[in-house]
């Protein structure tokens, strides 16, 4: 009788360990399945960036209060360039300067009027950097016609999160911006430092 009780206890212990191992394996598998891929994390970062952009819809270099919001979704390098460019633009608004802001219109998209909606198409990941293509649209208030174009966002990892580090304007119409956001900001800063050049 004592031997039978020991055998039953032993089987229960073995059964419990096997069940616990199986449950642990299932939990590990489920956790892996629900962890977003790096591409999805980069896409999410693009979405958060454009949500901030659409909420604020800045014209020209964003003012200080808007920059606080953009600092949450941009790299420290891009945030620093935006801050420096704002200082230059702000000083040009002073009555004694006699100069006009160097950037008017939308800075974050290919079109001066900016975008009213976005869709992230794809992201290519390379270790600590990513390039994501977004389709943007604007609607003409006068006739309701839509204008669509693509821009490319370059992201980097800061800490454990993706943030926007630059934007390449890919608009294919003659009136659209060309080049990169960082280059535009550097040009504003350079011209502000050397106004007579």
Protein backbone atom coordinates (compact mmCIF):
# COMPACT_ATOMS: atom_id res chain seq x y z
CA UNK A 1 0.00 0.00 0.00
CA UNK A 2 2.84 2.38 0.93
CA UNK A 3 4.62 1.56 -2.36
CA UNK A 4 1.45 2.30 -4.31
CA UNK A 5 1.09 5.75 -2.62
CA UNK A 6 4.73 6.58 -3.41
CA UNK A 7 4.19 5.54 -7.03
CA UNK A 8 1.09 7.76 -7.32
CA UNK A 9 2.93 10.73 -5.75
CA UNK A 10 5.86 10.17 -8.12
CA UNK A 11 3.54 10.10 -11.15
CA UNK A 12 1.83 13.29 -9.98
CA UNK A 13 5.19 15.06 -9.55
CA UNK A 14 6.38 13.92 -12.99
CA UNK A 15 3.02 14.87 -14.54
CA UNK A 16 3.15 18.30 -12.91
CA UNK A 17 6.72 18.95 -14.16
CA UNK A 18 5.78 17.90 -17.70
CA UNK A 19 2.67 20.09 -17.62
CA UNK A 20 4.71 23.03 -16.28
CA UNK A 21 7.34 22.56 -19.00
CA UNK A 22 4.66 22.35 -21.67
CA UNK A 23 2.89 25.46 -20.32
CA UNK A 24 6.22 27.31 -20.20
CA UNK A 25 6.98 26.36 -23.82
CA UNK A 26 3.51 27.48 -24.94
CA UNK A 27 3.89 30.77 -23.03
CA UNK A 28 7.31 31.37 -24.62
CA UNK A 29 5.90 30.66 -28.07
CA UNK A 30 2.93 32.97 -27.51
CA UNK A 31 5.22 35.74 -26.23
CA UNK A 32 7.39 35.40 -29.33
CA UNK A 33 4.33 35.52 -31.58
CA UNK A 34 2.99 38.69 -29.98
CA UNK A 35 6.30 40.59 -29.94
CA UNK A 36 6.22 43.05 -32.85
CA UNK A 37 8.94 42.59 -35.44
CA UNK A 38 11.56 45.33 -35.88
CA UNK A 39 9.80 46.37 -39.08
CA UNK A 40 6.51 46.69 -37.23
CA UNK A 41 8.18 48.69 -34.44
CA UNK A 42 9.68 51.05 -37.05
CA UNK A 43 6.26 51.40 -38.74
CA UNK A 44 4.73 52.19 -35.37
CA UNK A 45 7.35 54.92 -34.85
CA UNK A 46 6.48 56.42 -38.24
CA UNK A 47 2.79 56.39 -37.28
CA UNK A 48 3.49 58.12 -33.95
CA UNK A 49 5.60 60.75 -35.77
CA UNK A 50 2.88 61.50 -38.32
CA UNK A 51 0.19 61.57 -35.62
CA UNK A 52 2.17 64.33 -33.87
CA UNK A 53 2.72 66.08 -37.22
CA UNK A 54 -0.99 65.98 -38.14
CA UNK A 55 -2.00 67.23 -34.70
CA UNK A 56 0.39 70.21 -34.81
CA UNK A 57 0.56 70.80 -38.59
CA UNK A 58 3.46 73.26 -38.28
CA UNK A 59 4.28 75.86 -40.89
CA UNK A 60 7.98 76.59 -41.27
CA UNK A 61 10.30 75.61 -38.42
CA UNK A 62 8.13 74.53 -35.48
CA UNK A 63 8.08 76.97 -32.54
CA UNK A 64 9.42 75.92 -29.13
CA UNK A 65 6.11 74.59 -27.80
CA UNK A 66 5.64 72.36 -30.85
CA UNK A 67 9.25 71.23 -30.72
CA UNK A 68 8.61 69.73 -27.30
CA UNK A 69 6.16 67.35 -28.98
CA UNK A 70 8.49 66.61 -31.90
CA UNK A 71 11.38 65.85 -29.52
CA UNK A 72 9.40 62.82 -28.34
CA UNK A 73 9.39 61.30 -31.85
CA UNK A 74 12.64 62.55 -33.43
CA UNK A 75 16.30 61.75 -32.84
CA UNK A 76 18.34 64.00 -30.59
CA UNK A 77 20.35 65.08 -33.67
CA UNK A 78 17.27 66.13 -35.65
CA UNK A 79 15.74 67.80 -32.58
CA UNK A 80 18.95 69.81 -32.16
CA UNK A 81 18.87 70.96 -35.79
CA UNK A 82 15.21 71.98 -35.44
CA UNK A 83 16.06 73.93 -32.31
CA UNK A 84 19.02 75.72 -33.95
CA UNK A 85 16.95 76.54 -37.05
CA UNK A 86 14.17 77.92 -34.87
CA UNK A 87 16.63 80.22 -33.09
CA UNK A 88 17.73 81.61 -36.47
CA UNK A 89 14.15 81.96 -37.73
CA UNK A 90 13.01 83.54 -34.48
CA UNK A 91 15.76 86.16 -34.59
CA UNK A 92 14.72 87.06 -38.15
CA UNK A 93 11.22 87.89 -36.86
CA UNK A 94 12.56 90.67 -34.63
CA UNK A 95 11.65 94.12 -36.02
CA UNK A 96 15.26 95.33 -36.01
CA UNK A 97 16.47 92.39 -38.14
CA UNK A 98 14.59 93.49 -41.26
CA UNK A 99 14.67 89.95 -42.66
CA UNK A 100 11.97 87.39 -43.30
CA UNK A 101 11.86 83.77 -42.11
CA UNK A 102 13.75 81.55 -44.54
CA UNK A 103 11.20 78.74 -44.49
CA UNK A 104 7.52 79.21 -45.09
CA UNK A 105 5.14 76.34 -45.61
CA UNK A 106 5.45 72.74 -44.56
CA UNK A 107 8.92 71.51 -43.65
CA UNK A 108 8.11 67.83 -42.99
CA UNK A 109 6.66 66.85 -46.39
CA UNK A 110 7.31 67.43 -50.09
CA UNK A 111 4.44 69.93 -50.36
CA UNK A 112 4.21 73.47 -48.91
CA UNK A 113 0.61 72.85 -47.83
CA UNK A 114 1.61 69.63 -46.05
CA UNK A 115 -0.34 66.41 -45.72
CA UNK A 116 -3.75 65.61 -44.26
CA UNK A 117 -3.28 61.83 -44.17
CA UNK A 118 -0.54 59.23 -44.38
CA UNK A 119 -0.03 55.52 -44.88
CA UNK A 120 3.24 53.72 -44.11
CA UNK A 121 4.01 51.39 -46.99
CA UNK A 122 7.19 49.56 -46.01
CA UNK A 123 10.28 49.73 -43.85
CA UNK A 124 13.70 48.29 -44.57
CA UNK A 125 15.66 47.50 -41.41
CA UNK A 126 19.44 47.46 -41.15
CA UNK A 127 20.44 46.77 -37.52
CA UNK A 128 20.15 50.17 -35.81
CA UNK A 129 18.68 52.12 -38.76
CA UNK A 130 15.59 51.90 -40.92
CA UNK A 131 14.22 53.54 -44.07
CA UNK A 132 10.43 53.73 -44.32
CA UNK A 133 8.37 54.91 -47.28
CA UNK A 134 5.11 56.71 -46.53
CA UNK A 135 2.36 57.71 -48.91
CA UNK A 136 0.98 61.14 -48.09
CA UNK A 137 -2.07 62.98 -49.35
CA UNK A 138 -3.39 66.50 -49.38
CA UNK A 139 -6.84 67.69 -50.43
CA UNK A 140 -7.38 70.98 -52.26
CA UNK A 141 -10.03 72.94 -50.32
CA UNK A 142 -11.21 74.70 -53.47
CA UNK A 143 -12.21 71.69 -55.55
CA UNK A 144 -11.68 68.63 -53.34
CA UNK A 145 -9.01 67.16 -55.62
CA UNK A 146 -6.43 64.90 -54.00
CA UNK A 147 -2.69 65.12 -54.36
CA UNK A 148 -0.70 62.01 -53.38
CA UNK A 149 3.07 61.52 -53.15
CA UNK A 150 5.67 59.51 -51.25
CA UNK A 151 8.37 60.58 -48.82
CA UNK A 152 11.07 58.46 -47.18
CA UNK A 153 11.74 58.63 -43.45
CA UNK A 154 15.07 57.56 -42.02
CA UNK A 155 14.90 56.21 -38.49
CA UNK A 156 17.54 55.31 -35.96
CA UNK A 157 17.38 53.54 -32.64
CA UNK A 158 17.93 55.66 -29.57
CA UNK A 159 17.86 53.48 -26.52
CA UNK A 160 15.38 50.78 -27.33
CA UNK A 161 13.04 52.79 -29.56
CA UNK A 162 12.89 53.95 -33.15
CA UNK A 163 12.84 57.70 -33.81
CA UNK A 164 12.80 59.78 -37.01
CA UNK A 165 16.25 61.11 -37.93
CA UNK A 166 15.65 62.59 -41.40
CA UNK A 167 13.09 62.87 -44.20
CA UNK A 168 13.80 62.61 -47.91
CA UNK A 169 11.33 64.50 -50.08
CA UNK A 170 10.32 62.15 -52.90
CA UNK A 171 7.55 64.25 -54.46
CA UNK A 172 7.74 63.96 -58.23
CA UNK A 173 6.09 67.21 -59.31
CA UNK A 174 8.09 70.34 -60.25
CA UNK A 175 6.65 72.46 -57.41
CA UNK A 176 7.51 69.90 -54.71
CA UNK A 177 10.48 70.10 -52.34
CA UNK A 178 13.57 68.08 -53.20
CA UNK A 179 16.39 66.82 -51.01
CA UNK A 180 16.45 66.10 -47.28
CA UNK A 181 14.99 67.80 -44.21
CA UNK A 182 18.39 67.86 -42.44
CA UNK A 183 19.99 69.65 -45.41
CA UNK A 184 17.24 72.30 -45.43
CA UNK A 185 17.73 72.91 -41.70
CA UNK A 186 21.53 73.10 -42.06
CA UNK A 187 21.11 75.63 -44.88
CA UNK A 188 18.83 77.82 -42.73
CA UNK A 189 21.35 77.68 -39.88
CA UNK A 190 24.30 78.45 -42.17
CA UNK A 191 22.53 81.37 -43.85
CA UNK A 192 21.52 82.71 -40.44
CA UNK A 193 25.11 82.63 -39.21
CA UNK A 194 26.44 84.26 -42.40
CA UNK A 195 23.63 86.56 -43.60
CA UNK A 196 25.88 88.53 -45.99
CA UNK A 197 27.14 85.48 -47.94
